[in-house]
Each structure stands twice: as structure tokens, then as C-alpha cells.
Amino acid sequence: MVEEASRTIDARGSFCPGPLMEMIRAIKAAEIGDVVAVLSNDSGSRTDIPKWAQKAGQELVAVQSGEEGDSILVRKVK
């Protein structure tokens, strides 16, 4: 089952560290339990956002690749 995002940020066309900064801002504004998705075509986001989620104590839900880029989902847990 694919997790449904509470909020989706389209950061395609933005390059490092833009998508990561968008994710951090969105997670800070989110409620606990919310899932935030970032759409990115910057290859660094595939590793940067999951690493940040682990360090920040948030839950990486999924990293999905598609023709137009990646969708990276993170759940706010604290």
C-alpha cells in the first residue's frame, strides 16, 4: 500500500540543498503523524532527505522513482 501524503511539495527544478530545505520546513510545520512528500529531480535528494530523516528522528516512508523524478515521503514522528 502506498502511503498518502498530507502535503506534497513540488521541488522539481530546484537543486541541492533546495528540496531538503523544503522538506525540513514542511516537517517543522506539520503535525505529528503527517506524511510530507517532496517531488525532486535532483539526484542528491534520494540520499540527502533519507539521511536527514534518520538524523532528525523522523520516519522515512518511501523513496519512489518515476520518469519525472523522485517522490520522497517522510512521516513526522516527533
C-alpha atoms as a PDB file:
ATOM      1  CA  MET A   1       0.000   0.000   0.000  1.00  0.00           C
ATOM      2  CA  VAL A   2       1.344   3.416  -0.956  1.00  0.00           C
ATOM      3  CA  GLU A   3       1.205   5.957   1.845  1.00  0.00           C
ATOM      4  CA  GLU A   4      -0.942   9.016   1.216  1.00  0.00           C
ATOM      5  CA  ALA A   5       0.869  12.323   1.764  1.00  0.00           C
ATOM      6  CA  SER A   6      -0.687  15.021   3.944  1.00  0.00           C
ATOM      7  CA  ARG A   7       1.269  17.599   1.949  1.00  0.00           C
ATOM      8  CA  THR A   8       3.195  17.401  -1.324  1.00  0.00           C
ATOM      9  CA  ILE A   9       5.944  19.832  -2.267  1.00  0.00           C
ATOM     10  CA  ASP A  10       6.982  20.060  -5.907  1.00  0.00           C
ATOM     11  CA  ALA A  11      10.704  20.851  -5.733  1.00  0.00           C
ATOM     12  CA  ARG A  12      11.472  19.643  -9.263  1.00  0.00           C
ATOM     13  CA  GLY A  13      13.857  22.077 -10.889  1.00  0.00           C
ATOM     14  CA  SER A  14      15.324  23.015  -7.509  1.00  0.00           C
ATOM     15  CA  PHE A  15      18.786  21.705  -6.743  1.00  0.00           C
ATOM     16  CA  CYS A  16      20.675  20.798  -3.602  1.00  0.00           C
ATOM     17  CA  PRO A  17      20.011  21.833  -0.900  1.00  0.00           C
ATOM     18  CA  GLY A  18      16.625  23.233  -2.034  1.00  0.00           C
ATOM     19  CA  PRO A  19      14.495  20.050  -1.846  1.00  0.00           C
ATOM     20  CA  LEU A  20      15.961  19.139   1.548  1.00  0.00           C
ATOM     21  CA  MET A  21      15.302  22.626   2.922  1.00  0.00           C
ATOM     22  CA  GLU A  22      11.706  22.432   1.638  1.00  0.00           C
ATOM     23  CA  MET A  23      11.277  19.090   3.440  1.00  0.00           C
ATOM     24  CA  ILE A  24      12.695  20.460   6.699  1.00  0.00           C
ATOM     25  CA  ARG A  25      10.369  23.490   6.565  1.00  0.00           C
ATOM     26  CA  ALA A  26       7.348  21.301   5.830  1.00  0.00           C
ATOM     27  CA  ILE A  27       8.124  18.799   8.610  1.00  0.00           C
ATOM     28  CA  LYS A  28       8.525  21.637  11.128  1.00  0.00           C
ATOM     29  CA  ALA A  29       5.079  22.984  10.153  1.00  0.00           C
ATOM     30  CA  ALA A  30       3.428  19.535  10.077  1.00  0.00           C
ATOM     31  CA  GLU A  31       1.505  17.781  12.840  1.00  0.00           C
ATOM     32  CA  ILE A  32       2.820  14.538  14.342  1.00  0.00           C
ATOM     33  CA  GLY A  33       1.689  11.685  12.102  1.00  0.00           C
ATOM     34  CA  ASP A  34       1.549  13.813   8.939  1.00  0.00           C
ATOM     35  CA  VAL A  35       3.359  12.489   5.871  1.00  0.00           C
ATOM     36  CA  VAL A  36       5.185  15.029   3.698  1.00  0.00           C
ATOM     37  CA  ALA A  37       6.177  14.182   0.122  1.00  0.00           C
ATOM     38  CA  VAL A  38       8.834  16.042  -1.834  1.00  0.00           C
ATOM     39  CA  LEU A  39       8.962  15.660  -5.606  1.00  0.00           C
ATOM     40  CA  SER A  40      12.525  16.187  -6.793  1.00  0.00           C
ATOM     41  CA  ASN A  41      14.582  15.614  -9.906  1.00  0.00           C
ATOM     42  CA  ASP A  42      17.840  16.385  -8.085  1.00  0.00           C
ATOM     43  CA  SER A  43      19.605  13.029  -7.686  1.00  0.00           C
ATOM     44  CA  GLY A  44      21.111  14.104  -4.355  1.00  0.00           C
ATOM     45  CA  SER A  45      17.660  14.225  -2.764  1.00  0.00           C
ATOM     46  CA  ARG A  46      17.439  10.411  -2.897  1.00  0.00           C
ATOM     47  CA  THR A  47      20.228  10.218  -0.327  1.00  0.00           C
ATOM     48  CA  ASP A  48      20.120  13.626   1.409  1.00  0.00           C
ATOM     49  CA  ILE A  49      16.484  13.510   2.569  1.00  0.00           C
ATOM     50  CA  PRO A  50      16.618   9.921   3.940  1.00  0.00           C
ATOM     51  CA  LYS A  51      19.878  10.728   5.798  1.00  0.00           C
ATOM     52  CA  TRP A  52      18.311  13.872   7.262  1.00  0.00           C
ATOM     53  CA  ALA A  53      15.162  11.956   8.296  1.00  0.00           C
ATOM     54  CA  GLN A  54      17.260   9.403  10.174  1.00  0.00           C
ATOM     55  CA  LYS A  55      19.353  12.070  11.919  1.00  0.00           C
ATOM     56  CA  ALA A  56      16.262  14.121  12.788  1.00  0.00           C
ATOM     57  CA  GLY A  57      14.400  11.104  14.186  1.00  0.00           C
ATOM     58  CA  GLN A  58      11.666  11.197  11.540  1.00  0.00           C
ATOM     59  CA  GLU A  59      10.323   8.157   9.658  1.00  0.00           C
ATOM     60  CA  LEU A  60      11.287   7.613   6.031  1.00  0.00           C
ATOM     61  CA  VAL A  61       8.122   6.167   4.470  1.00  0.00           C
ATOM     62  CA  ALA A  62       9.220   5.678   0.858  1.00  0.00           C
ATOM     63  CA  VAL A  63      11.539   6.735  -1.933  1.00  0.00           C
ATOM     64  CA  GLN A  64       9.809   6.191  -5.254  1.00  0.00           C
ATOM     65  CA  SER A  65      11.427   6.885  -8.612  1.00  0.00           C
ATOM     66  CA  GLY A  66       9.466   7.869 -11.680  1.00  0.00           C
ATOM     67  CA  GLU A  67      10.005   9.372 -15.115  1.00  0.00           C
ATOM     68  CA  GLU A  68       9.708  12.928 -13.808  1.00  0.00           C
ATOM     69  CA  GLY A  69      11.862  12.455 -10.721  1.00  0.00           C
ATOM     70  CA  ASP A  70      11.639  11.010  -7.240  1.00  0.00           C
ATOM     71  CA  SER A  71       8.913  11.168  -4.636  1.00  0.00           C
ATOM     72  CA  ILE A  72      10.338  11.026  -1.115  1.00  0.00           C
ATOM     73  CA  LEU A  73       7.878  10.596   1.750  1.00  0.00           C
ATOM     74  CA  VAL A  74       8.675  11.308   5.396  1.00  0.00           C
ATOM     75  CA  ARG A  75       6.349  10.977   8.403  1.00  0.00           C
ATOM     76  CA  LYS A  76       6.701  13.431  11.290  1.00  0.00           C
ATOM     77  CA  VAL A  77       7.043  11.342  14.445  1.00  0.00           C
ATOM     78  CA  LYS A  78       8.265  13.941  16.933  1.00  0.00           C
END
